[in-house]
Amino acid sequence: MSDADGEQKRAHKRVSIVLRGSIIDNGDETKVIINDLSRGGAKLRVAEGTGPKSISFTLKINNIGELDAKLCWRKDDLMGVQFEEGSTEVFKRAAAYITSLPVAPWAAR
């Protein structure tokens, strides 16, 4: 569902970010870029044709931790995931990490 600005209505506000991570699925590891993150999920970028073989897997965010995730949608090299219950502590570490990052000079307005 979209509002007048074209933004989807979500239960949790998403933060645009670029973080490195990986999907761990039955022992296989696939590198990903996390493009946005919220308390409830994330948008990931993977190499086209790669990614999890299962619907449920572990998302490892470098320097932050691991979250149990479920695939919600996929289009080309993008995928949306929803975090499973119990990921609150890892998300708190992610939020602290994001807020500790310096703001790019062109973005500080």
C-alpha atoms as a PDB file:
ATOM      1  CA  MET A   1       0.000   0.000   0.000  1.00  0.00           C
ATOM      2  CA  SER A   2       1.352   3.457  -0.881  1.00  0.00           C
ATOM      3  CA  ASP A   3       0.618   6.912   0.450  1.00  0.00           C
ATOM      4  CA  ALA A   4       0.409  10.121  -1.636  1.00  0.00           C
ATOM      5  CA  ASP A   5       4.201  10.447  -1.777  1.00  0.00           C
ATOM      6  CA  GLY A   6       4.627   6.909  -3.083  1.00  0.00           C
ATOM      7  CA  GLU A   7       6.173   5.699   0.165  1.00  0.00           C
ATOM      8  CA  GLN A   8       4.988   2.345   1.409  1.00  0.00           C
ATOM      9  CA  LYS A   9       3.384   2.331   4.844  1.00  0.00           C
ATOM     10  CA  ARG A  10       5.432   0.200   7.207  1.00  0.00           C
ATOM     11  CA  ALA A  11       5.227  -0.785  10.842  1.00  0.00           C
ATOM     12  CA  HIS A  12       8.802   0.476  11.417  1.00  0.00           C
ATOM     13  CA  LYS A  13      10.684   3.416   9.925  1.00  0.00           C
ATOM     14  CA  ARG A  14      13.490   2.347   7.578  1.00  0.00           C
ATOM     15  CA  VAL A  15      16.901   3.994   7.507  1.00  0.00           C
ATOM     16  CA  SER A  16      18.771   4.210   4.186  1.00  0.00           C
ATOM     17  CA  ILE A  17      22.259   2.845   4.776  1.00  0.00           C
ATOM     18  CA  VAL A  18      24.995   0.866   3.078  1.00  0.00           C
ATOM     19  CA  LEU A  19      26.315  -1.976   5.220  1.00  0.00           C
ATOM     20  CA  ARG A  20      28.115  -5.164   4.229  1.00  0.00           C
ATOM     21  CA  GLY A  21      26.886  -8.521   5.340  1.00  0.00           C
ATOM     22  CA  SER A  22      26.066 -12.024   4.267  1.00  0.00           C
ATOM     23  CA  ILE A  23      23.237 -14.506   4.121  1.00  0.00           C
ATOM     24  CA  ILE A  24      23.986 -17.811   5.804  1.00  0.00           C
ATOM     25  CA  ASP A  25      21.690 -20.540   4.517  1.00  0.00           C
ATOM     26  CA  ASN A  26      22.320 -24.228   5.287  1.00  0.00           C
ATOM     27  CA  GLY A  27      26.083 -23.665   5.465  1.00  0.00           C
ATOM     28  CA  ASP A  28      26.253 -21.573   2.269  1.00  0.00           C
ATOM     29  CA  GLU A  29      27.275 -17.925   2.581  1.00  0.00           C
ATOM     30  CA  THR A  30      26.280 -15.211   0.089  1.00  0.00           C
ATOM     31  CA  LYS A  31      27.665 -11.674   0.331  1.00  0.00           C
ATOM     32  CA  VAL A  32      25.059  -8.887   0.475  1.00  0.00           C
ATOM     33  CA  ILE A  33      24.800  -5.132   0.764  1.00  0.00           C
ATOM     34  CA  ILE A  34      22.162  -3.900   3.199  1.00  0.00           C
ATOM     35  CA  ASN A  35      20.497  -0.879   1.532  1.00  0.00           C
ATOM     36  CA  ASP A  36      18.024  -0.044   4.272  1.00  0.00           C
ATOM     37  CA  LEU A  37      17.284  -1.283   7.730  1.00  0.00           C
ATOM     38  CA  SER A  38      14.444  -1.106  10.226  1.00  0.00           C
ATOM     39  CA  ARG A  39      13.539  -2.809  13.467  1.00  0.00           C
ATOM     40  CA  GLY A  40      11.384  -5.222  11.463  1.00  0.00           C
ATOM     41  CA  GLY A  41      13.425  -5.926   8.322  1.00  0.00           C
ATOM     42  CA  ALA A  42      15.802  -4.810   5.603  1.00  0.00           C
ATOM     43  CA  LYS A  43      16.306  -4.414   1.873  1.00  0.00           C
ATOM     44  CA  LEU A  44      19.292  -6.365   0.567  1.00  0.00           C
ATOM     45  CA  ARG A  45      21.240  -6.308  -2.681  1.00  0.00           C
ATOM     46  CA  VAL A  46      22.786  -9.572  -3.883  1.00  0.00           C
ATOM     47  CA  ALA A  47      24.431 -10.625  -7.113  1.00  0.00           C
ATOM     48  CA  GLU A  48      21.667 -11.607  -9.515  1.00  0.00           C
ATOM     49  CA  GLY A  49      21.126 -15.353  -9.502  1.00  0.00           C
ATOM     50  CA  THR A  50      22.527 -15.757  -5.978  1.00  0.00           C
ATOM     51  CA  GLY A  51      20.909 -15.688  -2.570  1.00  0.00           C
ATOM     52  CA  PRO A  52      19.219 -18.018  -0.153  1.00  0.00           C
ATOM     53  CA  LYS A  53      17.680 -21.279  -1.280  1.00  0.00           C
ATOM     54  CA  SER A  54      15.364 -21.317   1.759  1.00  0.00           C
ATOM     55  CA  ILE A  55      12.755 -18.816   2.875  1.00  0.00           C
ATOM     56  CA  SER A  56      14.277 -18.603   6.388  1.00  0.00           C
ATOM     57  CA  PHE A  57      17.990 -17.937   6.920  1.00  0.00           C
ATOM     58  CA  THR A  58      20.483 -15.943   8.996  1.00  0.00           C
ATOM     59  CA  LEU A  59      21.467 -12.407   8.001  1.00  0.00           C
ATOM     60  CA  LYS A  60      24.913 -11.503   9.309  1.00  0.00           C
ATOM     61  CA  ILE A  61      25.639  -7.768   9.393  1.00  0.00           C
ATOM     62  CA  ASN A  62      29.405  -7.188   9.573  1.00  0.00           C
ATOM     63  CA  ASN A  63      30.594  -5.732  12.901  1.00  0.00           C
ATOM     64  CA  ILE A  64      27.046  -5.892  14.312  1.00  0.00           C
ATOM     65  CA  GLY A  65      25.685  -9.418  14.587  1.00  0.00           C
ATOM     66  CA  GLU A  66      23.328 -12.036  13.213  1.00  0.00           C
ATOM     67  CA  LEU A  67      19.554 -11.909  12.796  1.00  0.00           C
ATOM     68  CA  ASP A  68      17.108 -14.640  11.879  1.00  0.00           C
ATOM     69  CA  ALA A  69      15.333 -13.456   8.727  1.00  0.00           C
ATOM     70  CA  LYS A  70      12.595 -14.523   6.348  1.00  0.00           C
ATOM     71  CA  LEU A  71      12.473 -13.697   2.626  1.00  0.00           C
ATOM     72  CA  CYS A  72       9.392 -11.569   1.800  1.00  0.00           C
ATOM     73  CA  TRP A  73      10.041 -10.566  -1.823  1.00  0.00           C
ATOM     74  CA  ARG A  74      12.713 -10.640  -4.502  1.00  0.00           C
ATOM     75  CA  LYS A  75      13.178  -8.725  -7.749  1.00  0.00           C
ATOM     76  CA  ASP A  76      16.384  -9.092  -9.779  1.00  0.00           C
ATOM     77  CA  ASP A  77      19.254  -8.276  -7.399  1.00  0.00           C
ATOM     78  CA  LEU A  78      17.069  -6.842  -4.593  1.00  0.00           C
ATOM     79  CA  MET A  79      15.243  -8.659  -1.829  1.00  0.00           C
ATOM     80  CA  GLY A  80      13.191  -7.686   1.181  1.00  0.00           C
ATOM     81  CA  VAL A  81      13.505  -9.594   4.426  1.00  0.00           C
ATOM     82  CA  GLN A  82      11.562  -9.565   7.665  1.00  0.00           C
ATOM     83  CA  PHE A  83      13.376 -10.202  10.938  1.00  0.00           C
ATOM     84  CA  GLU A  84      12.109 -12.958  13.193  1.00  0.00           C
ATOM     85  CA  GLU A  85      11.183 -12.272  16.826  1.00  0.00           C
ATOM     86  CA  GLY A  86      14.106 -12.011  19.218  1.00  0.00           C
ATOM     87  CA  SER A  87      16.315  -9.775  17.045  1.00  0.00           C
ATOM     88  CA  THR A  88      15.897  -6.717  19.304  1.00  0.00           C
ATOM     89  CA  GLU A  89      19.414  -6.767  20.813  1.00  0.00           C
ATOM     90  CA  VAL A  90      21.136  -7.055  17.430  1.00  0.00           C
ATOM     91  CA  PHE A  91      18.946  -4.278  16.055  1.00  0.00           C
ATOM     92  CA  LYS A  92      19.903  -2.053  19.013  1.00  0.00           C
ATOM     93  CA  ARG A  93      23.590  -2.650  18.169  1.00  0.00           C
ATOM     94  CA  ALA A  94      22.854  -1.821  14.516  1.00  0.00           C
ATOM     95  CA  ALA A  95      21.056   1.412  15.491  1.00  0.00           C
ATOM     96  CA  ALA A  96      23.947   2.427  17.764  1.00  0.00           C
ATOM     97  CA  TYR A  97      26.434   1.702  14.980  1.00  0.00           C
ATOM     98  CA  ILE A  98      24.444   3.720  12.419  1.00  0.00           C
ATOM     99  CA  THR A  99      24.098   6.741  14.715  1.00  0.00           C
ATOM    100  CA  SER A 100      27.852   6.645  15.449  1.00  0.00           C
ATOM    101  CA  LEU A 101      28.751   7.042  11.765  1.00  0.00           C
ATOM    102  CA  PRO A 102      29.948  10.486  10.677  1.00  0.00           C
ATOM    103  CA  VAL A 103      27.546  12.444   8.500  1.00  0.00           C
ATOM    104  CA  ALA A 104      28.866  13.202   5.013  1.00  0.00           C
ATOM    105  CA  PRO A 105      29.396  16.985   4.615  1.00  0.00           C
ATOM    106  CA  TRP A 106      26.983  17.176   1.676  1.00  0.00           C
ATOM    107  CA  ALA A 107      24.271  15.406   3.689  1.00  0.00           C
ATOM    108  CA  ALA A 108      24.472  17.671   6.765  1.00  0.00           C
ATOM    109  CA  ARG A 109      21.821  20.245   5.944  1.00  0.00           C
END
